[in-house]
Amino acid sequence: MMTRLGSFMAKRSTTVVVGQASKRRKILEVSGDTSPLRMPREMSRRAPLEVPIPSLPGLGAMRRRLRTLGRRAPGEKRFRGQPARRTRARRRQMKYSWRLRATRGKSSVPEELSAQKKTHSAAQRRLDDFWGFVDKYLLGAQGDKGLADASTDYADQEFLSGGGFEVGEELLAALERWALVVRQSRTEVLPRYRRALRSRRKNSPRRSRRPMPEKFMWLLTGTLGVAGEVVMSLYHVSLFDTYLRPTALLWLFTDDVIVSPVERDVVTKANTFGETVLLDGSLVPNPGELLTQQVERQERKRAADENAGVAEGGLPVPFGDLNACRMSLRCRGAVTLLGFPKMETLFRCRRGGASRDLLRKRRTETEIQVRLHHASAGSSRICRKPGRLLQLVITLDPTALSYALRIWGSYSKFFLAGRFPDPPVAQSRVDLS
C-alpha cells in the first residue's frame, strides 16, 4: 500500500516551467519527461475564436448597410437625451424667460413651480394682510422676537374673528417664503407663534369633508343625463370609479384610455407620473364598452372637423368636449336641485369612490392610497368615514333610492340611448349642513 501510494505521489509531482525564449510556450515536466507540449488553441488567451461565416449573396452589402446605420443612429445615452432636452427647453421657455431672479430679490422658477399659482397668490394676500396689521398698530417686527410677537397677535385676532386653522398655516408658509427672499439669515424663528398654532389646531380643528355616497352619485348622474349632459354623466361615473382628480380626468385624451399619461411628460399634484387606472367593472358592468363608444364618437367627430378644415390634424383628441366652468355650474345646480347637503364639489365624488371600496373591503388602505395618488397615508384618512356615509344615505326617501337603483342597473342602456328618466326633486328629509 505504501509503495503504490509512493509511486502514485511520484507520478503526481508536476512542475510548470515557462520557457525563456518564448512566453507562449509552456513546458510540462512529468516524471522526467521534458518533451515540450503546446497548449490547445482553444485554451490560449490571445487566440481569437473564429467562427466560420458562410459566404452568402449580398452579405457584404448588408454589412455595409448595418455599419452605416450604426454610425448614424444616436447610440449613446447623451445623444439620445439631447432631443428630449431641447424639447423640454422649448416647452419651459414658452412660459418663462431666463433672467436673474434670486439675486434681484425675486423667486426663481423652481420656487414658483413648488406650488400652484393660486396658492402663491393666497400666501401673498395673507402676507399683505399681516403687514397691514403691523402698520396699523405700529408694531416692531424687525427682529426675531418682534416678528414672533407680531405674528402671535395677528393669530390671536384671526382666532377671535372666527378664522379657521388654515389661516395660521397660510401665514406661516408666507413668512417662511418671505424670509428666504428678504432676510439675511434666510430663516425665521417663531417659537411663540408655532406654539399658538399648535393650540389653535386643537381648539379649532378642521371641518370634516364628507365623501359622496354611491346613491348620491347615481342620483346626480341621472340628473345630468336628463339635462342632456350625457358625456358629463360618464365623467361623473368615471370620477367615482377611478378616484382621479377632476382636472386629471378633465384633461383625458382618447389614447389615454389605453396609453398612460406618463408618455406626455405630465406630472400629477403629488409630483409623480400618472399611471394606468384599471376599471374592474364593479361599479358599471361594462365600462370598457362605454369608454370605447365615447372614444369612437370623439374620433369620428375630430375626423369630420379635419375634413371640414375646422380642426388641425395630428393633435390629440379630447375624451370629451367638457369645459371646467360649465361642468362645475351644472354639478352645483344638480346638487342644489336634489337638495344634497354640501356636495357641490367634484372632489366629494372622488373621495366617495374610495370610501365605498374601503367600506366594502374591496381594497386595502394602501391600495386606496396608491389609487388616489396620495403621497402620505394621512391624506387618505378622510375616506375612513363609514358612519357619515350611512348617515347621509338614510336621509333619502324610498323614491330617491328607487331612482338611484334604476340608474345603477340600467346606466349603460341610458348612456347608449342618450336619454335618462326624470329624477326626484329635493328628496332629502334632513339638512345636515
Protein backbone atom coordinates (compact mmCIF):
# COMPACT_ATOMS: atom_id res chain seq x y z
CA MET A 1 0.00 0.00 0.00
CA MET A 2 2.80 2.37 0.88
CA THR A 3 4.67 1.50 -2.36
CA ARG A 4 1.66 2.12 -4.53
CA LEU A 5 0.90 5.35 -2.74
CA GLY A 6 4.51 6.47 -3.06
CA SER A 7 4.64 5.68 -6.76
CA PHE A 8 1.29 7.44 -7.21
CA MET A 9 2.54 10.58 -5.47
CA ALA A 10 5.70 10.48 -7.57
CA LYS A 11 3.63 10.41 -10.72
CA ARG A 12 1.51 13.29 -9.45
CA SER A 13 4.51 15.55 -8.74
CA THR A 14 4.45 18.09 -11.54
CA THR A 15 6.22 21.37 -12.18
CA VAL A 16 5.27 24.03 -14.71
CA VAL A 17 8.17 25.96 -16.25
CA VAL A 18 7.70 28.95 -18.51
CA GLY A 19 10.30 29.00 -21.28
CA GLN A 20 12.67 31.92 -21.59
CA ALA A 21 12.71 32.08 -25.37
CA SER A 22 9.00 32.44 -25.87
CA LYS A 23 6.37 33.39 -23.34
CA ARG A 24 3.72 31.49 -25.28
CA ARG A 25 5.48 28.10 -24.91
CA LYS A 26 4.88 26.12 -21.74
CA ILE A 27 6.93 23.06 -20.90
CA LEU A 28 5.33 20.41 -18.80
CA GLU A 29 7.69 18.12 -16.98
CA VAL A 30 6.02 14.92 -15.85
CA SER A 31 8.08 12.12 -14.33
CA GLY A 32 11.29 13.19 -16.02
CA ASP A 33 9.70 13.66 -19.43
CA THR A 34 10.92 17.01 -20.79
CA SER A 35 9.15 16.97 -24.15
CA PRO A 36 7.54 20.38 -24.80
CA LEU A 37 3.76 20.34 -25.07
CA ARG A 38 1.96 23.21 -26.83
CA MET A 39 -1.42 24.15 -25.29
CA PRO A 40 -4.51 23.65 -27.44
CA ARG A 41 -5.65 26.65 -29.45
CA GLU A 42 -8.97 26.98 -27.66
CA MET A 43 -7.18 27.29 -24.30
CA SER A 44 -4.88 30.09 -25.41
CA ARG A 45 -5.88 33.52 -24.09
CA ARG A 46 -4.78 35.50 -27.08
CA ALA A 47 -6.05 33.18 -29.77
CA PRO A 48 -9.25 34.65 -31.26
CA LEU A 49 -12.29 32.48 -31.60
CA GLU A 50 -13.00 32.22 -35.30
CA VAL A 51 -16.49 31.22 -36.34
CA PRO A 52 -16.80 30.30 -39.98
CA ILE A 53 -19.31 32.56 -41.74
CA PRO A 54 -20.75 31.23 -44.95
CA SER A 55 -20.34 33.39 -47.98
CA LEU A 56 -23.89 34.41 -48.83
CA PRO A 57 -25.00 36.62 -51.70
CA GLY A 58 -25.42 40.24 -50.57
CA LEU A 59 -23.53 39.66 -47.30
CA GLY A 60 -21.07 42.50 -47.91
CA ALA A 61 -23.82 44.94 -48.80
CA MET A 62 -25.74 44.06 -45.65
CA ARG A 63 -22.63 44.60 -43.51
CA ARG A 64 -22.01 47.99 -45.08
CA ARG A 65 -25.62 48.96 -44.56
CA LEU A 66 -25.57 47.98 -40.88
CA ARG A 67 -22.29 49.83 -40.38
CA THR A 68 -23.70 52.99 -41.96
CA LEU A 69 -26.92 52.84 -39.95
CA GLY A 70 -24.94 52.20 -36.78
CA ARG A 71 -22.90 55.33 -37.32
CA ARG A 72 -25.97 57.45 -37.97
CA ALA A 73 -28.06 56.15 -35.07
CA PRO A 74 -27.67 58.02 -31.73
CA GLY A 75 -26.45 55.02 -29.81
CA GLU A 76 -25.07 56.76 -26.76
CA LYS A 77 -27.27 57.98 -23.94
CA ARG A 78 -26.09 61.57 -24.15
CA PHE A 79 -27.02 61.73 -27.84
CA ARG A 80 -30.45 60.27 -27.15
CA GLY A 81 -31.02 62.80 -24.38
CA GLN A 82 -30.27 65.86 -26.48
CA PRO A 83 -33.55 65.93 -28.47
CA ALA A 84 -35.58 65.40 -25.30
CA ARG A 85 -33.67 68.16 -23.54
CA ARG A 86 -34.30 70.60 -26.39
CA THR A 87 -38.00 69.73 -26.35
CA ARG A 88 -38.22 70.35 -22.60
CA ALA A 89 -36.35 73.63 -23.00
CA ARG A 90 -38.75 74.88 -25.68
CA ARG A 91 -41.78 73.94 -23.59
CA ARG A 92 -40.43 75.67 -20.47
CA GLN A 93 -39.27 78.79 -22.32
CA MET A 94 -42.76 79.26 -23.71
CA LYS A 95 -43.84 80.16 -20.15
CA TYR A 96 -40.68 81.61 -18.63
CA SER A 97 -37.74 83.60 -19.96
CA TRP A 98 -34.30 83.29 -18.39
CA ARG A 99 -33.18 86.21 -16.28
CA LEU A 100 -31.58 86.81 -12.88
CA ARG A 101 -34.24 86.38 -10.24
CA ALA A 102 -32.77 85.24 -6.92
CA THR A 103 -30.09 87.96 -6.91
CA ARG A 104 -32.79 90.56 -7.63
CA GLY A 105 -34.90 89.61 -4.64
CA LYS A 106 -37.44 87.52 -6.56
CA SER A 107 -38.41 83.86 -6.52
CA SER A 108 -36.78 81.51 -9.01
CA VAL A 109 -38.75 79.43 -11.47
CA PRO A 110 -38.49 76.16 -9.46
CA GLU A 111 -39.65 78.05 -6.35
CA GLU A 112 -42.67 79.33 -8.23
CA LEU A 113 -43.42 75.83 -9.50
CA SER A 114 -43.21 74.37 -6.00
CA ALA A 115 -46.91 75.24 -5.53
CA GLN A 116 -49.82 76.26 -7.68
CA LYS A 117 -50.26 79.86 -8.72
CA LYS A 118 -53.38 80.31 -6.63
CA THR A 119 -51.50 79.01 -3.58
CA HIS A 120 -48.80 81.63 -4.04
CA SER A 121 -51.47 84.30 -4.53
CA ALA A 122 -53.27 83.29 -1.32
CA ALA A 123 -49.99 83.36 0.62
CA GLN A 124 -49.15 86.81 -0.76
CA ARG A 125 -52.58 88.14 0.21
CA ARG A 126 -52.14 86.74 3.71
CA LEU A 127 -48.70 88.32 3.99
CA ASP A 128 -50.02 91.69 2.81
CA ASP A 129 -52.81 91.49 5.38
CA PHE A 130 -50.25 90.72 8.11
CA TRP A 131 -48.05 93.71 7.17
CA GLY A 132 -51.15 95.90 7.15
CA PHE A 133 -51.88 94.70 10.69
CA VAL A 134 -48.30 95.55 11.71
CA ASP A 135 -48.53 99.04 10.22
CA LYS A 136 -51.92 99.71 11.78
CA TYR A 137 -50.74 99.06 15.33
CA LEU A 138 -47.16 100.34 14.78
CA LEU A 139 -45.58 97.05 15.79
CA GLY A 140 -41.85 96.48 15.57
CA ALA A 141 -41.31 93.34 13.51
CA GLN A 142 -37.65 93.77 12.58
CA GLY A 143 -36.01 91.12 14.80
CA ASP A 144 -36.98 87.55 15.56
CA LYS A 145 -38.71 88.49 18.82
CA GLY A 146 -40.67 91.34 17.28
CA LEU A 147 -41.75 89.19 14.31
CA ALA A 148 -42.83 86.35 16.62
CA ASP A 149 -44.85 88.69 18.87
CA ALA A 150 -46.50 90.45 15.93
CA SER A 151 -47.46 87.16 14.24
CA THR A 152 -48.86 85.83 17.52
CA ASP A 153 -51.02 88.94 17.97
CA TYR A 154 -52.23 88.57 14.38
CA ALA A 155 -53.13 84.93 15.00
CA ASP A 156 -54.99 85.95 18.17
CA GLN A 157 -57.05 88.49 16.23
CA GLU A 158 -57.89 85.99 13.48
CA PHE A 159 -58.91 83.35 16.04
CA LEU A 160 -61.29 85.74 17.80
CA SER A 161 -62.66 86.80 14.40
CA GLY A 162 -63.73 83.23 13.69
CA GLY A 163 -60.92 82.30 11.33
CA GLY A 164 -60.03 78.65 10.90
CA PHE A 165 -56.76 76.85 11.46
CA GLU A 166 -55.83 77.24 7.80
CA VAL A 167 -55.32 81.00 8.34
CA GLY A 168 -52.40 80.34 10.69
CA GLU A 169 -50.91 77.81 8.26
CA GLU A 170 -51.11 80.28 5.39
CA LEU A 171 -49.32 82.98 7.38
CA LEU A 172 -46.58 80.59 8.48
CA ALA A 173 -45.95 79.45 4.90
CA ALA A 174 -45.96 83.05 3.69
CA LEU A 175 -43.46 84.13 6.36
CA GLU A 176 -41.15 81.21 5.53
CA ARG A 177 -41.16 82.17 1.87
CA TRP A 178 -40.64 85.86 2.73
CA ALA A 179 -37.67 85.04 4.98
CA LEU A 180 -35.97 83.03 2.23
CA VAL A 181 -36.05 86.03 -0.10
CA VAL A 182 -35.71 89.04 2.19
CA ARG A 183 -33.93 88.18 5.45
CA GLN A 184 -30.17 87.91 5.65
CA SER A 185 -30.28 84.71 7.70
CA ARG A 186 -32.77 83.11 5.25
CA THR A 187 -34.68 81.72 8.24
CA GLU A 188 -37.48 82.73 10.55
CA VAL A 189 -37.59 81.82 14.24
CA LEU A 190 -41.16 81.91 15.54
CA PRO A 191 -41.36 79.63 18.61
CA ARG A 192 -44.19 81.54 20.23
CA TYR A 193 -46.24 81.65 17.05
CA ARG A 194 -45.75 77.94 16.43
CA ARG A 195 -46.88 77.18 19.95
CA ALA A 196 -50.00 79.30 19.44
CA LEU A 197 -50.56 77.47 16.16
CA ARG A 198 -50.49 74.08 17.89
CA SER A 199 -53.06 75.29 20.41
CA ARG A 200 -55.17 76.68 17.62
CA ARG A 201 -55.12 73.34 15.82
CA LYS A 202 -56.51 71.72 18.97
CA ASN A 203 -59.18 74.34 19.69
CA SER A 204 -60.32 74.96 16.10
CA PRO A 205 -59.91 71.67 14.21
CA ARG A 206 -60.51 71.34 10.52
CA ARG A 207 -64.05 70.78 9.37
CA SER A 208 -64.81 67.30 8.19
CA ARG A 209 -65.09 66.90 4.41
CA ARG A 210 -67.77 64.38 3.59
CA PRO A 211 -67.36 61.92 0.74
CA MET A 212 -70.27 61.36 -1.61
CA PRO A 213 -72.25 58.12 -1.11
CA GLU A 214 -72.85 55.92 -4.13
CA LYS A 215 -76.61 56.54 -4.08
CA PHE A 216 -76.00 60.28 -4.24
CA MET A 217 -73.66 59.77 -7.19
CA TRP A 218 -76.28 57.86 -9.20
CA LEU A 219 -78.92 60.49 -8.44
CA LEU A 220 -76.57 63.21 -9.62
CA THR A 221 -75.60 61.19 -12.71
CA GLY A 222 -79.22 60.72 -13.73
CA THR A 223 -79.95 64.42 -13.25
CA LEU A 224 -77.03 65.38 -15.52
CA GLY A 225 -78.25 62.88 -18.13
CA VAL A 226 -81.74 64.39 -18.12
CA ALA A 227 -80.17 67.82 -18.74
CA GLY A 228 -78.55 66.42 -21.91
CA GLU A 229 -75.07 66.18 -20.39
CA VAL A 230 -74.54 62.51 -21.27
CA VAL A 231 -70.75 62.79 -21.51
CA MET A 232 -70.70 64.67 -18.22
CA SER A 233 -72.61 61.82 -16.60
CA LEU A 234 -69.95 59.38 -17.85
CA TYR A 235 -67.30 61.72 -16.48
CA HIS A 236 -69.02 61.65 -13.08
CA VAL A 237 -69.21 57.85 -13.03
CA SER A 238 -65.57 57.54 -14.11
CA LEU A 239 -64.51 60.01 -11.43
CA PHE A 240 -66.24 57.90 -8.78
CA ASP A 241 -64.72 54.67 -10.09
CA THR A 242 -61.14 55.78 -10.75
CA TYR A 243 -60.55 58.23 -7.81
CA LEU A 244 -58.80 60.53 -10.31
CA ARG A 245 -58.54 64.22 -9.58
CA PRO A 246 -61.18 66.21 -11.51
CA THR A 247 -58.60 68.08 -13.58
CA ALA A 248 -56.71 64.88 -14.43
CA LEU A 249 -59.90 63.29 -15.77
CA LEU A 250 -60.90 66.51 -17.49
CA TRP A 251 -57.64 66.55 -19.48
CA LEU A 252 -58.04 62.94 -20.58
CA PHE A 253 -57.50 62.13 -24.26
CA THR A 254 -58.81 59.25 -26.30
CA ASP A 255 -55.45 57.49 -26.43
CA ASP A 256 -55.22 57.67 -22.62
CA VAL A 257 -57.89 55.02 -22.36
CA ILE A 258 -55.09 52.60 -23.24
CA VAL A 259 -51.84 54.62 -23.01
CA SER A 260 -50.64 56.01 -19.67
CA PRO A 261 -50.25 59.83 -19.32
CA VAL A 262 -46.57 59.31 -18.41
CA GLU A 263 -45.76 59.46 -22.13
CA ARG A 264 -46.96 63.08 -22.25
CA ASP A 265 -44.44 64.02 -19.55
CA VAL A 266 -47.19 65.45 -17.31
CA VAL A 267 -46.80 65.06 -13.54
CA THR A 268 -49.64 64.89 -11.05
CA LYS A 269 -50.22 67.03 -7.98
CA ALA A 270 -48.11 64.64 -5.88
CA ASN A 271 -45.13 65.17 -8.25
CA THR A 272 -45.40 61.69 -9.74
CA PHE A 273 -46.30 60.48 -13.19
CA GLY A 274 -49.84 59.28 -13.60
CA GLU A 275 -50.35 55.57 -14.12
CA THR A 276 -52.94 53.50 -15.90
CA VAL A 277 -56.07 53.02 -13.78
CA LEU A 278 -57.84 49.72 -14.25
CA LEU A 279 -61.64 49.57 -14.24
CA ASP A 280 -62.78 46.21 -12.88
CA GLY A 281 -66.49 46.61 -13.62
CA SER A 282 -67.67 46.66 -10.00
CA LEU A 283 -69.48 50.00 -10.42
CA VAL A 284 -70.67 49.64 -14.03
CA PRO A 285 -70.87 46.14 -15.57
CA ASN A 286 -69.30 47.08 -18.92
CA PRO A 287 -67.09 50.18 -18.53
CA GLY A 288 -64.90 49.19 -21.48
CA GLU A 289 -67.81 49.30 -23.91
CA LEU A 290 -68.92 52.74 -22.73
CA LEU A 291 -65.42 54.18 -22.92
CA THR A 292 -64.88 52.65 -26.35
CA GLN A 293 -68.13 54.14 -27.61
CA GLN A 294 -67.09 57.58 -26.36
CA VAL A 295 -63.61 57.26 -27.89
CA GLU A 296 -65.01 56.26 -31.28
CA ARG A 297 -67.54 59.08 -31.13
CA GLN A 298 -64.85 61.68 -30.42
CA GLU A 299 -62.51 60.35 -33.10
CA ARG A 300 -65.28 60.40 -35.72
CA LYS A 301 -66.08 63.97 -34.73
CA ARG A 302 -62.42 65.01 -35.00
CA ALA A 303 -62.10 63.32 -38.41
CA ALA A 304 -65.16 65.21 -39.65
CA ASP A 305 -63.74 68.50 -38.32
CA GLU A 306 -60.42 67.83 -40.03
CA ASN A 307 -62.11 67.12 -43.33
CA ALA A 308 -64.09 70.33 -43.00
CA GLY A 309 -60.94 72.29 -42.19
CA VAL A 310 -62.19 73.28 -38.73
CA ALA A 311 -59.61 71.32 -36.71
CA GLU A 312 -55.91 70.76 -37.28
CA GLY A 313 -54.70 67.21 -37.82
CA GLY A 314 -52.13 65.37 -35.75
CA LEU A 315 -53.31 66.73 -32.39
CA PRO A 316 -54.56 64.55 -29.51
CA VAL A 317 -58.32 64.07 -29.38
CA PRO A 318 -60.01 65.04 -26.08
CA PHE A 319 -62.01 62.31 -24.42
CA GLY A 320 -64.95 64.67 -24.08
CA ASP A 321 -65.74 68.25 -25.06
CA LEU A 322 -66.02 69.31 -21.43
CA ASN A 323 -65.49 72.77 -20.02
CA ALA A 324 -64.44 73.05 -16.37
CA CYS A 325 -66.56 76.11 -15.66
CA ARG A 326 -69.69 74.73 -17.34
CA MET A 327 -69.28 71.36 -15.66
CA SER A 328 -68.88 72.96 -12.22
CA LEU A 329 -72.02 75.04 -12.75
CA ARG A 330 -74.04 72.02 -13.90
CA CYS A 331 -72.94 69.90 -10.95
CA ARG A 332 -73.68 72.62 -8.40
CA GLY A 333 -77.07 73.17 -9.97
CA ALA A 334 -77.88 69.45 -9.85
CA VAL A 335 -76.78 69.23 -6.21
CA THR A 336 -78.98 72.20 -5.31
CA LEU A 337 -81.92 70.73 -7.23
CA LEU A 338 -81.64 67.40 -5.43
CA GLY A 339 -81.12 69.05 -2.04
CA PHE A 340 -77.84 67.33 -1.19
CA PRO A 341 -76.02 68.83 1.82
CA LYS A 342 -72.55 70.18 0.97
CA MET A 343 -71.89 68.00 -2.10
CA GLU A 344 -71.23 70.82 -4.56
CA THR A 345 -67.57 70.00 -5.34
CA LEU A 346 -66.35 67.24 -7.63
CA PHE A 347 -63.80 66.14 -5.05
CA ARG A 348 -66.67 64.71 -3.00
CA CYS A 349 -67.29 62.24 -5.81
CA ARG A 350 -63.61 61.27 -5.98
CA ARG A 351 -63.46 60.58 -2.25
CA GLY A 352 -66.81 58.82 -2.37
CA GLY A 353 -65.48 56.06 -4.60
CA ALA A 354 -62.55 55.46 -2.26
CA SER A 355 -64.84 55.41 0.79
CA ARG A 356 -67.16 52.94 -0.94
CA ASP A 357 -64.35 50.49 -1.72
CA LEU A 358 -62.94 50.83 1.79
CA LEU A 359 -66.35 50.24 3.36
CA ARG A 360 -66.96 47.15 1.22
CA LYS A 361 -63.37 45.95 1.81
CA ARG A 362 -62.70 45.72 -1.89
CA ARG A 363 -59.27 47.33 -1.49
CA THR A 364 -56.87 47.84 1.38
CA GLU A 365 -55.96 51.28 2.69
CA THR A 366 -52.57 51.07 0.99
CA GLU A 367 -54.15 50.21 -2.37
CA ILE A 368 -56.61 53.08 -2.00
CA GLN A 369 -53.78 55.49 -1.17
CA VAL A 370 -51.90 54.42 -4.30
CA ARG A 371 -55.03 54.71 -6.44
CA LEU A 372 -55.75 58.17 -5.01
CA HIS A 373 -52.14 59.19 -5.81
CA HIS A 374 -51.68 60.46 -2.27
CA ALA A 375 -48.10 60.96 -1.12
CA SER A 376 -48.90 60.16 2.54
CA ALA A 377 -51.35 57.96 4.38
CA GLY A 378 -52.67 60.97 6.30
CA SER A 379 -54.21 62.39 3.15
CA SER A 380 -56.26 59.22 2.66
CA ARG A 381 -57.59 59.32 6.20
CA ILE A 382 -60.57 61.35 5.04
CA CYS A 383 -62.02 58.26 3.33
CA ARG A 384 -62.46 56.34 6.60
CA LYS A 385 -65.97 57.58 7.33
CA PRO A 386 -68.42 54.70 7.06
CA GLY A 387 -70.72 56.23 9.66
CA ARG A 388 -71.00 59.52 7.80
CA LEU A 389 -71.80 57.70 4.57
CA LEU A 390 -74.63 55.74 6.17
CA GLN A 391 -75.89 58.88 7.89
CA LEU A 392 -76.23 60.57 4.52
CA VAL A 393 -77.87 57.58 2.82
CA ILE A 394 -80.67 57.29 5.41
CA THR A 395 -81.76 60.85 4.63
CA LEU A 396 -83.07 59.69 1.23
CA ASP A 397 -86.68 58.58 0.90
CA PRO A 398 -87.74 55.41 -0.98
CA THR A 399 -88.43 57.33 -4.21
CA ALA A 400 -84.89 58.66 -4.40
CA LEU A 401 -83.41 55.27 -3.52
CA SER A 402 -85.51 53.59 -6.20
CA TYR A 403 -84.35 56.12 -8.79
CA ALA A 404 -80.70 55.62 -7.82
CA LEU A 405 -81.03 51.84 -8.13
CA ARG A 406 -82.72 52.25 -11.52
CA ILE A 407 -79.89 54.39 -12.88
CA TRP A 408 -77.31 51.98 -11.45
CA GLY A 409 -78.93 48.93 -13.02
CA SER A 410 -79.51 50.41 -16.48
CA TYR A 411 -76.88 53.11 -16.83
CA SER A 412 -75.29 51.54 -19.89
CA LYS A 413 -78.64 51.41 -21.67
CA PHE A 414 -79.43 55.03 -20.77
CA PHE A 415 -75.98 56.22 -21.86
CA LEU A 416 -76.07 54.48 -25.23
CA ALA A 417 -79.61 55.74 -25.87
CA GLY A 418 -78.77 59.27 -24.70
CA ARG A 419 -81.97 59.55 -22.63
CA PHE A 420 -82.42 59.31 -18.86
CA PRO A 421 -85.59 59.17 -16.71
CA ASP A 422 -86.62 62.26 -14.77
CA PRO A 423 -85.15 62.42 -11.25
CA PRO A 424 -86.97 63.12 -8.00
CA VAL A 425 -86.54 66.68 -6.79
CA ALA A 426 -85.47 67.72 -3.27
CA GLN A 427 -85.92 64.29 -1.70
CA SER A 428 -83.56 64.85 1.23
CA ARG A 429 -85.52 64.90 4.51
CA VAL A 430 -82.80 66.17 6.85
CA ASP A 431 -80.49 69.16 6.36
CA LEU A 432 -77.07 68.12 7.70
CA SER A 433 -75.41 71.44 6.93
